[in-house]
Amino acid sequence: MKWFRAFLRMLLAAAIAAAALAPSPLLACAACYGKSDSALAQGMNWGIFTLLGVVLTVLTCILVFFVHIIRKEEKAANNSAPVHPPEL
């Protein structure tokens, strides 16, 4: 897990550096560059945030699944007895 935390830190640092060095005209799309308070721009922003929320939710679920599998595999490799054994 140590390598994973280091990877996440490097990824976060790269994302921050890319955002800081990006020229501001590249951040605007052609539809909302001129008039940011129009209904079209607001609708597009809501659509972007909604899709971003869906993508982040799916990626988080995938990450949680793999963490669960890794923990389960490590516990099986240690051959440790369960804390609460099933009653027969």
N, C-alpha and C. Protein backbone atom coordinates (compact mmCIF):
# COMPACT_ATOMS: atom_id res chain seq x y z
N MET A 1 0.81 -1.20 0.00
CA MET A 1 0.00 0.00 0.00
C MET A 1 0.85 1.27 0.00
N LYS A 2 2.13 1.12 0.39
CA LYS A 2 3.00 2.28 0.42
C LYS A 2 3.22 2.84 -0.98
N TRP A 3 3.38 1.96 -1.96
CA TRP A 3 3.60 2.39 -3.33
C TRP A 3 2.37 3.08 -3.90
N PHE A 4 1.18 2.64 -3.44
CA PHE A 4 -0.06 3.22 -3.94
C PHE A 4 -0.21 4.65 -3.47
N ARG A 5 0.13 4.91 -2.20
CA ARG A 5 0.05 6.27 -1.68
C ARG A 5 1.04 7.18 -2.39
N ALA A 6 2.24 6.67 -2.64
CA ALA A 6 3.23 7.46 -3.37
C ALA A 6 2.75 7.76 -4.79
N PHE A 7 2.12 6.78 -5.42
CA PHE A 7 1.57 6.98 -6.77
C PHE A 7 0.48 8.05 -6.76
N LEU A 8 -0.41 8.01 -5.77
CA LEU A 8 -1.48 9.00 -5.69
C LEU A 8 -0.92 10.41 -5.46
N ARG A 9 0.13 10.50 -4.63
CA ARG A 9 0.74 11.81 -4.39
C ARG A 9 1.36 12.36 -5.67
N MET A 10 2.06 11.49 -6.42
CA MET A 10 2.66 11.93 -7.67
C MET A 10 1.59 12.34 -8.68
N LEU A 11 0.50 11.59 -8.74
CA LEU A 11 -0.59 11.90 -9.66
C LEU A 11 -1.24 13.23 -9.30
N LEU A 12 -1.45 13.47 -8.03
CA LEU A 12 -2.03 14.73 -7.58
C LEU A 12 -1.10 15.90 -7.89
N ALA A 13 0.19 15.72 -7.66
CA ALA A 13 1.16 16.78 -7.94
C ALA A 13 1.20 17.08 -9.43
N ALA A 14 1.13 16.05 -10.27
CA ALA A 14 1.13 16.26 -11.71
C ALA A 14 -0.13 16.98 -12.16
N ALA A 15 -1.28 16.65 -11.59
CA ALA A 15 -2.53 17.31 -11.95
C ALA A 15 -2.52 18.78 -11.55
N ILE A 16 -1.99 19.07 -10.37
CA ILE A 16 -1.92 20.46 -9.92
C ILE A 16 -0.97 21.26 -10.79
N ALA A 17 0.17 20.65 -11.14
CA ALA A 17 1.14 21.34 -12.00
C ALA A 17 0.55 21.60 -13.39
N ALA A 18 -0.16 20.62 -13.93
CA ALA A 18 -0.78 20.80 -15.25
C ALA A 18 -1.84 21.89 -15.22
N ALA A 19 -2.63 21.94 -14.16
CA ALA A 19 -3.67 22.97 -14.05
C ALA A 19 -3.05 24.36 -13.88
N ALA A 20 -1.95 24.43 -13.15
CA ALA A 20 -1.31 25.73 -12.91
C ALA A 20 -0.62 26.25 -14.16
N LEU A 21 -0.11 25.36 -14.99
CA LEU A 21 0.64 25.79 -16.17
C LEU A 21 -0.22 25.92 -17.43
N ALA A 22 -1.48 25.53 -17.37
CA ALA A 22 -2.35 25.59 -18.55
C ALA A 22 -2.74 27.04 -18.83
N PRO A 23 -2.64 27.47 -20.08
CA PRO A 23 -3.08 28.82 -20.43
C PRO A 23 -4.59 28.95 -20.25
N SER A 24 -5.04 30.11 -19.82
CA SER A 24 -6.46 30.29 -19.54
C SER A 24 -7.38 30.17 -20.75
N PRO A 25 -7.01 30.55 -21.98
CA PRO A 25 -7.93 30.35 -23.11
C PRO A 25 -8.21 28.87 -23.38
N LEU A 26 -7.31 27.99 -22.99
CA LEU A 26 -7.54 26.57 -23.22
C LEU A 26 -8.60 26.00 -22.28
N LEU A 27 -8.90 26.70 -21.21
CA LEU A 27 -9.86 26.20 -20.22
C LEU A 27 -11.32 26.45 -20.64
N ALA A 28 -11.55 27.31 -21.60
CA ALA A 28 -12.91 27.65 -22.01
C ALA A 28 -13.28 26.90 -23.28
N CYS A 29 -14.56 26.50 -23.37
CA CYS A 29 -15.03 25.86 -24.59
C CYS A 29 -15.57 26.93 -25.54
N ALA A 30 -15.84 26.54 -26.77
CA ALA A 30 -16.29 27.49 -27.78
C ALA A 30 -17.69 28.02 -27.49
N ALA A 31 -18.54 27.22 -26.82
CA ALA A 31 -19.93 27.64 -26.59
C ALA A 31 -20.05 28.66 -25.47
N CYS A 32 -19.22 28.57 -24.44
CA CYS A 32 -19.41 29.46 -23.29
C CYS A 32 -18.26 30.43 -23.09
N TYR A 33 -17.36 30.56 -24.04
CA TYR A 33 -16.21 31.44 -23.88
C TYR A 33 -16.64 32.91 -23.81
N GLY A 34 -17.58 33.28 -24.64
CA GLY A 34 -17.97 34.69 -24.71
C GLY A 34 -18.96 35.12 -23.64
N LYS A 35 -19.94 34.28 -23.34
CA LYS A 35 -21.02 34.68 -22.44
C LYS A 35 -21.21 33.59 -21.39
N SER A 36 -20.61 33.80 -20.23
CA SER A 36 -20.62 32.74 -19.22
C SER A 36 -21.89 32.72 -18.37
N ASP A 37 -22.76 33.72 -18.49
CA ASP A 37 -23.98 33.74 -17.68
C ASP A 37 -25.22 33.33 -18.49
N SER A 38 -25.02 32.82 -19.70
CA SER A 38 -26.17 32.42 -20.51
C SER A 38 -26.73 31.08 -20.04
N ALA A 39 -27.93 30.78 -20.46
CA ALA A 39 -28.57 29.52 -20.08
C ALA A 39 -27.84 28.33 -20.67
N LEU A 40 -27.28 28.50 -21.86
CA LEU A 40 -26.52 27.43 -22.50
C LEU A 40 -25.30 27.07 -21.66
N ALA A 41 -24.59 28.07 -21.17
CA ALA A 41 -23.40 27.83 -20.37
C ALA A 41 -23.76 27.17 -19.04
N GLN A 42 -24.84 27.61 -18.42
CA GLN A 42 -25.26 27.00 -17.15
C GLN A 42 -25.68 25.55 -17.34
N GLY A 43 -26.40 25.27 -18.40
CA GLY A 43 -26.80 23.90 -18.69
C GLY A 43 -25.61 23.01 -18.99
N MET A 44 -24.65 23.55 -19.72
CA MET A 44 -23.45 22.77 -20.03
C MET A 44 -22.65 22.50 -18.75
N ASN A 45 -22.56 23.49 -17.88
CA ASN A 45 -21.85 23.29 -16.61
C ASN A 45 -22.52 22.21 -15.77
N TRP A 46 -23.84 22.22 -15.69
CA TRP A 46 -24.56 21.19 -14.93
C TRP A 46 -24.32 19.81 -15.55
N GLY A 47 -24.32 19.74 -16.87
CA GLY A 47 -24.06 18.47 -17.54
C GLY A 47 -22.65 17.95 -17.26
N ILE A 48 -21.69 18.85 -17.29
CA ILE A 48 -20.30 18.46 -17.01
C ILE A 48 -20.17 17.97 -15.58
N PHE A 49 -20.74 18.70 -14.63
CA PHE A 49 -20.63 18.28 -13.23
C PHE A 49 -21.36 16.97 -12.97
N THR A 50 -22.48 16.76 -13.63
CA THR A 50 -23.22 15.50 -13.47
C THR A 50 -22.41 14.33 -14.01
N LEU A 51 -21.86 14.48 -15.20
CA LEU A 51 -21.04 13.41 -15.76
C LEU A 51 -19.78 13.18 -14.94
N LEU A 52 -19.19 14.24 -14.43
CA LEU A 52 -18.03 14.09 -13.57
C LEU A 52 -18.38 13.32 -12.30
N GLY A 53 -19.54 13.60 -11.73
CA GLY A 53 -19.98 12.86 -10.55
C GLY A 53 -20.19 11.38 -10.83
N VAL A 54 -20.78 11.07 -11.98
CA VAL A 54 -21.00 9.67 -12.34
C VAL A 54 -19.67 8.95 -12.54
N VAL A 55 -18.76 9.57 -13.26
CA VAL A 55 -17.46 8.94 -13.52
C VAL A 55 -16.70 8.74 -12.21
N LEU A 56 -16.68 9.74 -11.34
CA LEU A 56 -15.97 9.59 -10.07
C LEU A 56 -16.61 8.52 -9.20
N THR A 57 -17.92 8.39 -9.22
CA THR A 57 -18.59 7.35 -8.45
C THR A 57 -18.20 5.96 -8.95
N VAL A 58 -18.20 5.78 -10.25
CA VAL A 58 -17.84 4.48 -10.81
C VAL A 58 -16.38 4.14 -10.51
N LEU A 59 -15.49 5.11 -10.69
CA LEU A 59 -14.08 4.85 -10.42
C LEU A 59 -13.84 4.57 -8.94
N THR A 60 -14.56 5.25 -8.06
CA THR A 60 -14.43 4.99 -6.63
C THR A 60 -14.91 3.59 -6.29
N CYS A 61 -15.99 3.16 -6.89
CA CYS A 61 -16.49 1.80 -6.64
C CYS A 61 -15.49 0.75 -7.13
N ILE A 62 -14.87 0.98 -8.27
CA ILE A 62 -13.86 0.05 -8.77
C ILE A 62 -12.66 0.00 -7.82
N LEU A 63 -12.22 1.15 -7.35
CA LEU A 63 -11.11 1.21 -6.41
C LEU A 63 -11.44 0.49 -5.11
N VAL A 64 -12.62 0.71 -4.57
CA VAL A 64 -13.03 0.05 -3.33
C VAL A 64 -13.10 -1.46 -3.53
N PHE A 65 -13.56 -1.90 -4.68
CA PHE A 65 -13.63 -3.33 -4.97
C PHE A 65 -12.24 -3.95 -4.95
N PHE A 66 -11.27 -3.32 -5.63
CA PHE A 66 -9.93 -3.88 -5.67
C PHE A 66 -9.25 -3.83 -4.31
N VAL A 67 -9.49 -2.78 -3.52
CA VAL A 67 -8.94 -2.74 -2.16
C VAL A 67 -9.54 -3.87 -1.34
N HIS A 68 -10.81 -4.14 -1.49
CA HIS A 68 -11.47 -5.24 -0.78
C HIS A 68 -10.84 -6.58 -1.17
N ILE A 69 -10.62 -6.79 -2.46
CA ILE A 69 -10.02 -8.04 -2.94
C ILE A 69 -8.60 -8.19 -2.40
N ILE A 70 -7.81 -7.12 -2.42
CA ILE A 70 -6.43 -7.18 -1.92
C ILE A 70 -6.41 -7.51 -0.44
N ARG A 71 -7.26 -6.86 0.34
CA ARG A 71 -7.31 -7.15 1.78
C ARG A 71 -7.74 -8.57 2.05
N LYS A 72 -8.70 -9.05 1.31
CA LYS A 72 -9.17 -10.42 1.49
C LYS A 72 -8.06 -11.41 1.13
N GLU A 73 -7.31 -11.11 0.08
CA GLU A 73 -6.21 -11.98 -0.34
C GLU A 73 -5.09 -11.98 0.70
N GLU A 74 -4.77 -10.81 1.26
CA GLU A 74 -3.74 -10.74 2.29
C GLU A 74 -4.15 -11.50 3.54
N LYS A 75 -5.41 -11.41 3.91
CA LYS A 75 -5.90 -12.12 5.08
C LYS A 75 -5.84 -13.63 4.85
N ALA A 76 -6.15 -14.08 3.65
CA ALA A 76 -6.08 -15.51 3.34
C ALA A 76 -4.64 -15.99 3.31
N ALA A 77 -3.71 -15.13 2.89
CA ALA A 77 -2.30 -15.51 2.83
C ALA A 77 -1.69 -15.63 4.22
N ASN A 78 -2.20 -14.89 5.17
CA ASN A 78 -1.68 -14.94 6.54
C ASN A 78 -2.18 -16.15 7.30
N ASN A 79 -3.14 -16.86 6.77
CA ASN A 79 -3.75 -18.03 7.41
C ASN A 79 -4.20 -17.74 8.84
N SER A 80 -4.74 -16.57 9.04
CA SER A 80 -5.22 -16.22 10.38
C SER A 80 -6.62 -16.76 10.57
N ALA A 81 -6.87 -17.16 11.80
CA ALA A 81 -8.20 -17.67 12.13
C ALA A 81 -9.18 -16.51 12.17
N PRO A 82 -10.42 -16.72 11.78
CA PRO A 82 -11.40 -15.63 11.83
C PRO A 82 -11.65 -15.19 13.26
N VAL A 83 -11.96 -13.92 13.42
CA VAL A 83 -12.20 -13.38 14.77
C VAL A 83 -13.45 -13.99 15.37
N HIS A 84 -14.51 -14.10 14.59
CA HIS A 84 -15.76 -14.70 15.05
C HIS A 84 -16.03 -15.92 14.17
N PRO A 85 -15.58 -17.11 14.60
CA PRO A 85 -15.83 -18.29 13.75
C PRO A 85 -17.31 -18.61 13.68
N PRO A 86 -17.75 -19.13 12.55
CA PRO A 86 -19.17 -19.46 12.42
C PRO A 86 -19.55 -20.60 13.36
N GLU A 87 -20.73 -20.48 13.91
CA GLU A 87 -21.21 -21.52 14.81
C GLU A 87 -21.91 -22.61 14.00
N LEU A 88 -21.68 -23.85 14.40
CA LEU A 88 -22.29 -24.98 13.68
C LEU A 88 -23.56 -25.42 14.36
